[in-house]
Amino acid sequence: MNHLKNFFVEDDGMGVVEVILIIVVLIAMVAVFKDQITDLVENIWDSINSDAQKIY
């Protein structure tokens, strides 16, 4: 019975601090790799457009 009580009382979820740290790390990665991300997205978009023109 004690194990069942502990299961409902446990508070091991992700906290606000962890979420903020993850967001900060993601923003920092985007800032560092901005040029590479932009080039990648542009290449993907160009590829989609060229393949779509082949269909039409």
Protein backbone atom coordinates (compact mmCIF):
# COMPACT_ATOMS: atom_id res chain seq x y z
CA MET A 1 0.00 0.00 0.00
CA ASN A 2 2.91 2.33 0.74
CA HIS A 3 4.26 1.87 -2.81
CA LEU A 4 0.92 2.95 -4.26
CA LYS A 5 0.89 6.05 -2.07
CA ASN A 6 4.45 6.94 -3.11
CA PHE A 7 3.50 6.50 -6.78
CA PHE A 8 0.84 9.21 -6.54
CA VAL A 9 2.94 11.53 -4.34
CA GLU A 10 6.11 11.46 -6.49
CA ASP A 11 6.85 14.71 -8.29
CA ASP A 12 9.59 13.77 -10.75
CA GLY A 13 8.19 15.66 -13.72
CA MET A 14 10.03 18.22 -15.80
CA GLY A 15 10.18 21.57 -14.07
CA VAL A 16 10.14 25.10 -15.36
CA VAL A 17 13.90 25.46 -14.97
CA GLU A 18 14.57 22.44 -17.17
CA VAL A 19 12.20 23.72 -19.87
CA ILE A 20 13.84 27.16 -19.80
CA LEU A 21 17.30 25.60 -20.09
CA ILE A 22 16.22 23.53 -23.08
CA ILE A 23 14.78 26.62 -24.78
CA VAL A 24 17.97 28.60 -24.10
CA VAL A 25 20.13 25.83 -25.57
CA LEU A 26 17.92 25.61 -28.68
CA ILE A 27 18.04 29.38 -29.20
CA ALA A 28 21.82 29.34 -28.80
CA MET A 29 22.15 26.53 -31.34
CA VAL A 30 19.99 28.41 -33.83
CA ALA A 31 22.08 31.54 -33.33
CA VAL A 32 25.33 29.64 -33.86
CA PHE A 33 24.16 27.62 -36.88
CA LYS A 34 21.93 30.29 -38.44
CA ASP A 35 23.77 30.40 -41.77
CA GLN A 36 23.88 26.63 -42.13
CA ILE A 37 20.19 26.30 -41.26
CA THR A 38 19.28 29.01 -43.76
CA ASP A 39 21.31 27.34 -46.53
CA LEU A 40 19.77 23.95 -45.74
CA VAL A 41 16.20 25.31 -45.83
CA GLU A 42 16.88 27.17 -49.08
CA ASN A 43 18.33 24.02 -50.69
CA ILE A 44 15.34 21.97 -49.59
CA TRP A 45 12.92 24.60 -50.88
CA ASP A 46 14.73 24.80 -54.23
CA SER A 47 14.64 21.02 -54.53
CA ILE A 48 10.92 20.94 -53.81
CA ASN A 49 10.27 23.66 -56.38
CA SER A 50 12.35 21.98 -59.10
CA ASP A 51 10.66 18.62 -58.49
CA ALA A 52 7.24 20.28 -58.53
CA GLN A 53 8.03 21.92 -61.88
CA LYS A 54 8.82 18.47 -63.31
CA ILE A 55 5.29 17.36 -62.42
CA TYR A 56 3.65 20.37 -64.07
